[in-house]
């Protein structure tokens, strides 16, 4: 991948890339900590960037079935971890 610019999101630094080079391997799910969806804009490619527990960022093709499945699983895992607060009494 050829980094062209970098920006921060809420989770980690994301490298915006020119070339559409994705990982050719399915990454073991247990190695992944979080992900960021990078939208296609300017010279950036559409990609899913996975952050591993070892700090490595892996660029994956969002059209791949395993990538979509991992994103859904990670989102569900996050929703189960985050507490659901009842509405504030003033809003009832």
PDB file of N, CA and C in Angstrom:
ATOM      1  N   UNK A   1       0.831  -1.190   0.000  1.00  0.00           N
ATOM      2  CA  UNK A   1       0.000   0.000   0.000  1.00  0.00           C
ATOM      3  C   UNK A   1       0.870   1.246   0.000  1.00  0.00           C
ATOM      4  N   UNK A   2       0.395   2.259  -0.649  1.00  0.00           N
ATOM      5  CA  UNK A   2       1.127   3.513  -0.717  1.00  0.00           C
ATOM      6  C   UNK A   2       0.370   4.551   0.097  1.00  0.00           C
ATOM      7  N   UNK A   3       0.879   4.898   1.287  1.00  0.00           N
ATOM      8  CA  UNK A   3       0.166   5.892   2.090  1.00  0.00           C
ATOM      9  C   UNK A   3       0.222   7.265   1.425  1.00  0.00           C
ATOM     10  N   UNK A   4      -0.887   7.945   1.398  1.00  0.00           N
ATOM     11  CA  UNK A   4      -0.925   9.278   0.801  1.00  0.00           C
ATOM     12  C   UNK A   4      -1.238  10.350   1.830  1.00  0.00           C
ATOM     13  N   UNK A   5      -2.018  10.019   2.804  1.00  0.00           N
ATOM     14  CA  UNK A   5      -2.290  10.950   3.895  1.00  0.00           C
ATOM     15  C   UNK A   5      -2.785  10.133   5.072  1.00  0.00           C
ATOM     16  N   UNK A   6      -2.747  10.722   6.237  1.00  0.00           N
ATOM     17  CA  UNK A   6      -3.196  10.025   7.435  1.00  0.00           C
ATOM     18  C   UNK A   6      -4.177  10.921   8.172  1.00  0.00           C
ATOM     19  N   UNK A   7      -5.117  10.298   8.839  1.00  0.00           N
ATOM     20  CA  UNK A   7      -6.044  11.045   9.670  1.00  0.00           C
ATOM     21  C   UNK A   7      -6.450  10.170  10.843  1.00  0.00           C
ATOM     22  N   UNK A   8      -6.926  10.801  11.900  1.00  0.00           N
ATOM     23  CA  UNK A   8      -7.342  10.074  13.085  1.00  0.00           C
ATOM     24  C   UNK A   8      -8.853   9.945  13.105  1.00  0.00           C
ATOM     25  N   UNK A   9      -9.315   8.801  13.577  1.00  0.00           N
ATOM     26  CA  UNK A   9     -10.730   8.676  13.876  1.00  0.00           C
ATOM     27  C   UNK A   9     -10.819   8.356  15.354  1.00  0.00           C
ATOM     28  N   UNK A  10     -11.963   7.961  15.828  1.00  0.00           N
ATOM     29  CA  UNK A  10     -12.148   7.718  17.257  1.00  0.00           C
ATOM     30  C   UNK A  10     -11.330   6.539  17.761  1.00  0.00           C
ATOM     31  N   UNK A  11     -10.904   5.642  16.881  1.00  0.00           N
ATOM     32  CA  UNK A  11     -10.246   4.426  17.329  1.00  0.00           C
ATOM     33  C   UNK A  11      -8.758   4.376  17.023  1.00  0.00           C
ATOM     34  N   UNK A  12      -8.355   4.738  15.838  1.00  0.00           N
ATOM     35  CA  UNK A  12      -6.950   4.594  15.478  1.00  0.00           C
ATOM     36  C   UNK A  12      -6.614   5.390  14.231  1.00  0.00           C
ATOM     37  N   UNK A  13      -5.325   5.549  14.004  1.00  0.00           N
ATOM     38  CA  UNK A  13      -4.839   6.252  12.828  1.00  0.00           C
ATOM     39  C   UNK A  13      -5.136   5.434  11.585  1.00  0.00           C
ATOM     40  N   UNK A  14      -5.647   6.077  10.558  1.00  0.00           N
ATOM     41  CA  UNK A  14      -6.005   5.387   9.320  1.00  0.00           C
ATOM     42  C   UNK A  14      -5.140   5.931   8.194  1.00  0.00           C
ATOM     43  N   UNK A  15      -4.557   5.041   7.424  1.00  0.00           N
ATOM     44  CA  UNK A  15      -3.795   5.444   6.247  1.00  0.00           C
ATOM     45  C   UNK A  15      -4.711   5.411   5.036  1.00  0.00           C
ATOM     46  N   UNK A  16      -4.850   6.520   4.375  1.00  0.00           N
ATOM     47  CA  UNK A  16      -5.618   6.589   3.146  1.00  0.00           C
ATOM     48  C   UNK A  16      -4.685   6.192   2.009  1.00  0.00           C
ATOM     49  N   UNK A  17      -5.115   5.266   1.182  1.00  0.00           N
ATOM     50  CA  UNK A  17      -4.216   4.715   0.181  1.00  0.00           C
ATOM     51  C   UNK A  17      -4.717   4.926  -1.237  1.00  0.00           C
ATOM     52  N   UNK A  18      -3.792   4.958  -2.165  1.00  0.00           N
ATOM     53  CA  UNK A  18      -4.108   5.130  -3.574  1.00  0.00           C
ATOM     54  C   UNK A  18      -4.374   3.781  -4.227  1.00  0.00           C
ATOM     55  N   UNK A  19      -3.505   2.821  -4.002  1.00  0.00           N
ATOM     56  CA  UNK A  19      -3.628   1.522  -4.648  1.00  0.00           C
ATOM     57  C   UNK A  19      -4.685   0.674  -3.973  1.00  0.00           C
ATOM     58  N   UNK A  20      -5.389  -0.087  -4.772  1.00  0.00           N
ATOM     59  CA  UNK A  20      -6.431  -0.949  -4.212  1.00  0.00           C
ATOM     60  C   UNK A  20      -5.842  -2.324  -3.888  1.00  0.00           C
ATOM     61  N   UNK A  21      -4.928  -2.352  -2.946  1.00  0.00           N
ATOM     62  CA  UNK A  21      -4.286  -3.602  -2.537  1.00  0.00           C
ATOM     63  C   UNK A  21      -4.839  -4.018  -1.184  1.00  0.00           C
ATOM     64  N   UNK A  22      -5.524  -5.123  -1.159  1.00  0.00           N
ATOM     65  CA  UNK A  22      -6.104  -5.637   0.067  1.00  0.00           C
ATOM     66  C   UNK A  22      -5.366  -6.899   0.475  1.00  0.00           C
ATOM     67  N   UNK A  23      -5.544  -7.301   1.714  1.00  0.00           N
ATOM     68  CA  UNK A  23      -4.974  -8.560   2.146  1.00  0.00           C
ATOM     69  C   UNK A  23      -5.577  -9.687   1.315  1.00  0.00           C
ATOM     70  N   UNK A  24      -4.760 -10.645   0.977  1.00  0.00           N
ATOM     71  CA  UNK A  24      -5.253 -11.788   0.200  1.00  0.00           C
ATOM     72  C   UNK A  24      -5.607 -12.955   1.112  1.00  0.00           C
ATOM     73  N   UNK A  25      -5.378 -12.785   2.406  1.00  0.00           N
ATOM     74  CA  UNK A  25      -5.632 -13.854   3.372  1.00  0.00           C
ATOM     75  C   UNK A  25      -6.790 -13.488   4.295  1.00  0.00           C
ATOM     76  N   UNK A  26      -7.499 -14.507   4.741  1.00  0.00           N
ATOM     77  CA  UNK A  26      -8.519 -14.306   5.774  1.00  0.00           C
ATOM     78  C   UNK A  26      -7.780 -14.237   7.107  1.00  0.00           C
ATOM     79  N   UNK A  27      -7.956 -13.149   7.821  1.00  0.00           N
ATOM     80  CA  UNK A  27      -7.278 -12.949   9.099  1.00  0.00           C
ATOM     81  C   UNK A  27      -8.062 -13.677  10.185  1.00  0.00           C
ATOM     82  N   UNK A  28      -7.391 -14.413  11.071  1.00  0.00           N
ATOM     83  CA  UNK A  28      -8.113 -15.070  12.169  1.00  0.00           C
ATOM     84  C   UNK A  28      -8.849 -14.031  13.024  1.00  0.00           C
ATOM     85  N   UNK A  29     -10.124 -14.273  13.243  1.00  0.00           N
ATOM     86  CA  UNK A  29     -10.975 -13.304  13.940  1.00  0.00           C
ATOM     87  C   UNK A  29     -10.436 -12.945  15.323  1.00  0.00           C
ATOM     88  N   UNK A  30      -9.889 -13.920  16.039  1.00  0.00           N
ATOM     89  CA  UNK A  30      -9.432 -13.668  17.415  1.00  0.00           C
ATOM     90  C   UNK A  30      -8.263 -12.681  17.478  1.00  0.00           C
ATOM     91  N   UNK A  31      -7.635 -12.375  16.348  1.00  0.00           N
ATOM     92  CA  UNK A  31      -6.526 -11.424  16.323  1.00  0.00           C
ATOM     93  C   UNK A  31      -7.001  -9.977  16.181  1.00  0.00           C
ATOM     94  N   UNK A  32      -8.282  -9.793  15.887  1.00  0.00           N
ATOM     95  CA  UNK A  32      -8.785  -8.464  15.566  1.00  0.00           C
ATOM     96  C   UNK A  32      -9.414  -7.777  16.766  1.00  0.00           C
ATOM     97  N   UNK A  33      -9.071  -6.501  16.920  1.00  0.00           N
ATOM     98  CA  UNK A  33      -9.569  -5.696  18.027  1.00  0.00           C
ATOM     99  C   UNK A  33     -10.732  -4.813  17.590  1.00  0.00           C
ATOM    100  N   UNK A  34     -10.588  -4.138  16.464  1.00  0.00           N
ATOM    101  CA  UNK A  34     -11.625  -3.230  15.984  1.00  0.00           C
ATOM    102  C   UNK A  34     -11.452  -3.025  14.479  1.00  0.00           C
ATOM    103  N   UNK A  35     -12.341  -2.219  13.910  1.00  0.00           N
ATOM    104  CA  UNK A  35     -12.247  -1.927  12.483  1.00  0.00           C
ATOM    105  C   UNK A  35     -12.745  -0.520  12.203  1.00  0.00           C
ATOM    106  N   UNK A  36     -12.361  -0.020  11.058  1.00  0.00           N
ATOM    107  CA  UNK A  36     -12.806   1.281  10.576  1.00  0.00           C
ATOM    108  C   UNK A  36     -13.165   1.125   9.113  1.00  0.00           C
ATOM    109  N   UNK A  37     -14.313   1.655   8.717  1.00  0.00           N
ATOM    110  CA  UNK A  37     -14.702   1.646   7.312  1.00  0.00           C
ATOM    111  C   UNK A  37     -14.173   2.928   6.687  1.00  0.00           C
ATOM    112  N   UNK A  38     -13.386   2.774   5.646  1.00  0.00           N
ATOM    113  CA  UNK A  38     -12.861   3.921   4.911  1.00  0.00           C
ATOM    114  C   UNK A  38     -13.661   4.066   3.625  1.00  0.00           C
ATOM    115  N   UNK A  39     -14.326   5.190   3.479  1.00  0.00           N
ATOM    116  CA  UNK A  39     -15.133   5.461   2.283  1.00  0.00           C
ATOM    117  C   UNK A  39     -14.233   5.926   1.144  1.00  0.00           C
ATOM    118  N   UNK A  40     -14.663   5.664  -0.060  1.00  0.00           N
ATOM    119  CA  UNK A  40     -13.935   6.118  -1.238  1.00  0.00           C
ATOM    120  C   UNK A  40     -14.183   7.611  -1.400  1.00  0.00           C
ATOM    121  N   UNK A  41     -13.114   8.386  -1.354  1.00  0.00           N
ATOM    122  CA  UNK A  41     -13.218   9.827  -1.570  1.00  0.00           C
ATOM    123  C   UNK A  41     -11.838  10.353  -1.976  1.00  0.00           C
ATOM    124  N   UNK A  42     -11.835  11.413  -2.701  1.00  0.00           N
ATOM    125  CA  UNK A  42     -10.591  11.971  -3.228  1.00  0.00           C
ATOM    126  C   UNK A  42      -9.800  10.848  -3.888  1.00  0.00           C
ATOM    127  N   UNK A  43      -8.652  10.528  -3.336  1.00  0.00           N
ATOM    128  CA  UNK A  43      -7.833   9.455  -3.894  1.00  0.00           C
ATOM    129  C   UNK A  43      -7.830   8.224  -3.003  1.00  0.00           C
ATOM    130  N   UNK A  44      -8.685   8.208  -2.007  1.00  0.00           N
ATOM    131  CA  UNK A  44      -8.775   7.055  -1.104  1.00  0.00           C
ATOM    132  C   UNK A  44      -9.606   5.943  -1.744  1.00  0.00           C
ATOM    133  N   UNK A  45      -9.324   4.730  -1.339  1.00  0.00           N
ATOM    134  CA  UNK A  45     -10.104   3.585  -1.801  1.00  0.00           C
ATOM    135  C   UNK A  45     -11.128   3.215  -0.742  1.00  0.00           C
ATOM    136  N   UNK A  46     -12.198   2.542  -1.143  1.00  0.00           N
ATOM    137  CA  UNK A  46     -13.131   1.975  -0.176  1.00  0.00           C
ATOM    138  C   UNK A  46     -12.452   0.766   0.436  1.00  0.00           C
ATOM    139  N   UNK A  47     -12.404   0.723   1.753  1.00  0.00           N
ATOM    140  CA  UNK A  47     -11.717  -0.375   2.426  1.00  0.00           C
ATOM    141  C   UNK A  47     -12.238  -0.526   3.841  1.00  0.00           C
ATOM    142  N   UNK A  48     -12.001  -1.698   4.400  1.00  0.00           N
ATOM    143  CA  UNK A  48     -12.210  -1.924   5.826  1.00  0.00           C
ATOM    144  C   UNK A  48     -10.822  -2.113   6.406  1.00  0.00           C
ATOM    145  N   UNK A  49     -10.492  -1.318   7.402  1.00  0.00           N
ATOM    146  CA  UNK A  49      -9.172  -1.393   8.005  1.00  0.00           C
ATOM    147  C   UNK A  49      -9.331  -2.004   9.385  1.00  0.00           C
ATOM    148  N   UNK A  50      -8.811  -3.210   9.529  1.00  0.00           N
ATOM    149  CA  UNK A  50      -8.872  -3.918  10.802  1.00  0.00           C
ATOM    150  C   UNK A  50      -7.646  -3.570  11.628  1.00  0.00           C
ATOM    151  N   UNK A  51      -7.837  -3.361  12.915  1.00  0.00           N
ATOM    152  CA  UNK A  51      -6.745  -3.155  13.862  1.00  0.00           C
ATOM    153  C   UNK A  51      -6.594  -4.433  14.667  1.00  0.00           C
ATOM    154  N   UNK A  52      -5.382  -5.001  14.668  1.00  0.00           N
ATOM    155  CA  UNK A  52      -5.137  -6.226  15.428  1.00  0.00           C
ATOM    156  C   UNK A  52      -4.722  -5.864  16.850  1.00  0.00           C
ATOM    157  N   UNK A  53      -4.764  -6.846  17.732  1.00  0.00           N
ATOM    158  CA  UNK A  53      -4.330  -6.626  19.107  1.00  0.00           C
ATOM    159  C   UNK A  53      -2.844  -6.301  19.179  1.00  0.00           C
ATOM    160  N   UNK A  54      -2.077  -6.693  18.166  1.00  0.00           N
ATOM    161  CA  UNK A  54      -0.642  -6.383  18.139  1.00  0.00           C
ATOM    162  C   UNK A  54      -0.366  -4.995  17.560  1.00  0.00           C
ATOM    163  N   UNK A  55      -1.432  -4.269  17.166  1.00  0.00           N
ATOM    164  CA  UNK A  55      -1.277  -2.907  16.672  1.00  0.00           C
ATOM    165  C   UNK A  55      -1.135  -2.789  15.167  1.00  0.00           C
ATOM    166  N   UNK A  56      -1.207  -3.891  14.451  1.00  0.00           N
ATOM    167  CA  UNK A  56      -1.085  -3.873  12.996  1.00  0.00           C
ATOM    168  C   UNK A  56      -2.414  -3.473  12.362  1.00  0.00           C
ATOM    169  N   UNK A  57      -2.351  -2.666  11.304  1.00  0.00           N
ATOM    170  CA  UNK A  57      -3.544  -2.306  10.548  1.00  0.00           C
ATOM    171  C   UNK A  57      -3.560  -3.119   9.262  1.00  0.00           C
ATOM    172  N   UNK A  58      -4.680  -3.774   8.996  1.00  0.00           N
ATOM    173  CA  UNK A  58      -4.809  -4.636   7.830  1.00  0.00           C
ATOM    174  C   UNK A  58      -5.947  -4.119   6.967  1.00  0.00           C
ATOM    175  N   UNK A  59      -5.636  -3.839   5.724  1.00  0.00           N
ATOM    176  CA  UNK A  59      -6.610  -3.314   4.773  1.00  0.00           C
ATOM    177  C   UNK A  59      -7.313  -4.486   4.090  1.00  0.00           C
ATOM    178  N   UNK A  60      -8.646  -4.499   4.136  1.00  0.00           N
ATOM    179  CA  UNK A  60      -9.421  -5.602   3.566  1.00  0.00           C
ATOM    180  C   UNK A  60     -10.494  -5.067   2.623  1.00  0.00           C
ATOM    181  N   UNK A  61     -10.855  -5.896   1.680  1.00  0.00           N
ATOM    182  CA  UNK A  61     -11.863  -5.551   0.678  1.00  0.00           C
ATOM    183  C   UNK A  61     -13.259  -5.658   1.291  1.00  0.00           C
ATOM    184  N   UNK A  62     -14.009  -4.552   1.362  1.00  0.00           N
ATOM    185  CA  UNK A  62     -15.341  -4.589   1.969  1.00  0.00           C
ATOM    186  C   UNK A  62     -16.339  -5.447   1.202  1.00  0.00           C
ATOM    187  N   UNK A  63     -16.004  -5.862  -0.005  1.00  0.00           N
ATOM    188  CA  UNK A  63     -16.895  -6.711  -0.794  1.00  0.00           C
ATOM    189  C   UNK A  63     -16.730  -8.189  -0.458  1.00  0.00           C
ATOM    190  N   UNK A  64     -15.664  -8.528   0.253  1.00  0.00           N
ATOM    191  CA  UNK A  64     -15.422  -9.924   0.607  1.00  0.00           C
ATOM    192  C   UNK A  64     -16.403 -10.370   1.695  1.00  0.00           C
ATOM    193  N   UNK A  65     -16.917 -11.574   1.564  1.00  0.00           N
ATOM    194  CA  UNK A  65     -17.912 -12.099   2.512  1.00  0.00           C
ATOM    195  C   UNK A  65     -17.339 -12.190   3.920  1.00  0.00           C
ATOM    196  N   UNK A  66     -16.095 -12.642   4.069  1.00  0.00           N
ATOM    197  CA  UNK A  66     -15.514 -12.796   5.406  1.00  0.00           C
ATOM    198  C   UNK A  66     -15.353 -11.442   6.093  1.00  0.00           C
ATOM    199  N   UNK A  67     -15.073 -10.396   5.320  1.00  0.00           N
ATOM    200  CA  UNK A  67     -14.920  -9.052   5.879  1.00  0.00           C
ATOM    201  C   UNK A  67     -16.265  -8.562   6.407  1.00  0.00           C
ATOM    202  N   UNK A  68     -17.322  -8.728   5.626  1.00  0.00           N
ATOM    203  CA  UNK A  68     -18.667  -8.315   6.067  1.00  0.00           C
ATOM    204  C   UNK A  68     -19.107  -9.104   7.298  1.00  0.00           C
ATOM    205  N   UNK A  69     -18.819 -10.401   7.305  1.00  0.00           N
ATOM    206  CA  UNK A  69     -19.193 -11.246   8.446  1.00  0.00           C
ATOM    207  C   UNK A  69     -18.455 -10.799   9.716  1.00  0.00           C
ATOM    208  N   UNK A  70     -17.160 -10.502   9.600  1.00  0.00           N
ATOM    209  CA  UNK A  70     -16.384 -10.036  10.750  1.00  0.00           C
ATOM    210  C   UNK A  70     -16.926  -8.706  11.270  1.00  0.00           C
ATOM    211  N   UNK A  71     -17.278  -7.790  10.363  1.00  0.00           N
ATOM    212  CA  UNK A  71     -17.809  -6.494  10.779  1.00  0.00           C
ATOM    213  C   UNK A  71     -19.106  -6.666  11.564  1.00  0.00           C
ATOM    214  N   UNK A  72     -19.990  -7.521  11.083  1.00  0.00           N
ATOM    215  CA  UNK A  72     -21.261  -7.772  11.776  1.00  0.00           C
ATOM    216  C   UNK A  72     -21.005  -8.374  13.149  1.00  0.00           C
ATOM    217  N   UNK A  73     -20.111  -9.348  13.212  1.00  0.00           N
ATOM    218  CA  UNK A  73     -19.799 -10.001  14.485  1.00  0.00           C
ATOM    219  C   UNK A  73     -19.192  -9.012  15.469  1.00  0.00           C
ATOM    220  N   UNK A  74     -18.274  -8.174  15.014  1.00  0.00           N
ATOM    221  CA  UNK A  74     -17.644  -7.188  15.897  1.00  0.00           C
ATOM    222  C   UNK A  74     -18.656  -6.151  16.369  1.00  0.00           C
ATOM    223  N   UNK A  75     -19.562  -5.747  15.502  1.00  0.00           N
ATOM    224  CA  UNK A  75     -20.589  -4.779  15.895  1.00  0.00           C
ATOM    225  C   UNK A  75     -21.504  -5.378  16.959  1.00  0.00           C
ATOM    226  N   UNK A  76     -21.911  -6.614  16.769  1.00  0.00           N
ATOM    227  CA  UNK A  76     -22.762  -7.278  17.769  1.00  0.00           C
ATOM    228  C   UNK A  76     -22.034  -7.424  19.096  1.00  0.00           C
ATOM    229  N   UNK A  77     -20.750  -7.763  19.034  1.00  0.00           N
ATOM    230  CA  UNK A  77     -19.953  -7.916  20.256  1.00  0.00           C
ATOM    231  C   UNK A  77     -19.887  -6.592  21.006  1.00  0.00           C
ATOM    232  N   UNK A  78     -19.692  -5.502  20.284  1.00  0.00           N
ATOM    233  CA  UNK A  78     -19.630  -4.176  20.894  1.00  0.00           C
ATOM    234  C   UNK A  78     -20.973  -3.803  21.514  1.00  0.00           C
ATOM    235  N   UNK A  79     -22.064  -4.098  20.821  1.00  0.00           N
ATOM    236  CA  UNK A  79     -23.392  -3.775  21.344  1.00  0.00           C
ATOM    237  C   UNK A  79     -23.691  -4.551  22.618  1.00  0.00           C
ATOM    238  N   UNK A  80     -23.179  -5.759  22.744  1.00  0.00           N
ATOM    239  CA  UNK A  80     -23.406  -6.555  23.947  1.00  0.00           C
ATOM    240  C   UNK A  80     -22.584  -6.044  25.118  1.00  0.00           C
ATOM    241  N   UNK A  81     -21.417  -5.474  24.837  1.00  0.00           N
ATOM    242  CA  UNK A  81     -20.528  -4.996  25.893  1.00  0.00           C
ATOM    243  C   UNK A  81     -20.999  -3.661  26.445  1.00  0.00           C
ATOM    244  N   UNK A  82     -21.432  -2.763  25.572  1.00  0.00           N
ATOM    245  CA  UNK A  82     -21.837  -1.432  26.003  1.00  0.00           C
ATOM    246  C   UNK A  82     -23.159  -1.502  26.753  1.00  0.00           C
ATOM    247  N   UNK A  83     -23.219  -0.868  27.936  1.00  0.00           N
ATOM    248  CA  UNK A  83     -24.469  -0.906  28.705  1.00  0.00           C
ATOM    249  C   UNK A  83     -25.553  -0.083  28.028  1.00  0.00           C
ATOM    250  N   UNK A  84     -26.756  -0.525  28.181  1.00  0.00           N
ATOM    251  CA  UNK A  84     -27.904   0.208  27.654  1.00  0.00           C
ATOM    252  C   UNK A  84     -28.532   0.963  28.833  1.00  0.00           C
ATOM    253  N   UNK A  85     -28.464   2.280  28.766  1.00  0.00           N
ATOM    254  CA  UNK A  85     -28.976   3.098  29.852  1.00  0.00           C
ATOM    255  C   UNK A  85     -30.462   3.385  29.642  1.00  0.00           C
ATOM    256  N   UNK A  86     -31.241   3.369  30.722  1.00  0.00           N
ATOM    257  CA  UNK A  86     -32.657   3.748  30.597  1.00  0.00           C
ATOM    258  C   UNK A  86     -32.753   5.239  30.294  1.00  0.00           C
ATOM    259  N   UNK A  87     -33.863   5.681  29.719  1.00  0.00           N
ATOM    260  CA  UNK A  87     -34.009   7.110  29.428  1.00  0.00           C
ATOM    261  C   UNK A  87     -33.957   7.933  30.711  1.00  0.00           C
ATOM    262  N   UNK A  88     -33.454   9.131  30.590  1.00  0.00           N
ATOM    263  CA  UNK A  88     -33.380  10.044  31.725  1.00  0.00           C
ATOM    264  C   UNK A  88     -34.803  10.350  32.189  1.00  0.00           C
ATOM    265  N   UNK A  89     -35.036  10.434  33.517  1.00  0.00           N
ATOM    266  CA  UNK A  89     -36.401  10.679  34.031  1.00  0.00           C
ATOM    267  C   UNK A  89     -37.068  11.922  33.439  1.00  0.00           C
ATOM    268  N   UNK A  90     -36.295  12.939  33.120  1.00  0.00           N
ATOM    269  CA  UNK A  90     -36.891  14.162  32.569  1.00  0.00           C
ATOM    270  C   UNK A  90     -37.396  13.958  31.142  1.00  0.00           C
ATOM    271  N   UNK A  91     -37.003  12.865  30.499  1.00  0.00           N
ATOM    272  CA  UNK A  91     -37.422  12.605  29.120  1.00  0.00           C
ATOM    273  C   UNK A  91     -38.533  11.575  29.041  1.00  0.00           C
ATOM    274  N   UNK A  92     -39.072  11.184  30.148  1.00  0.00           N
ATOM    275  CA  UNK A  92     -40.153  10.187  30.127  1.00  0.00           C
ATOM    276  C   UNK A  92     -41.497  10.847  30.095  1.00  0.00           C
TER     277      UNK A  92
END
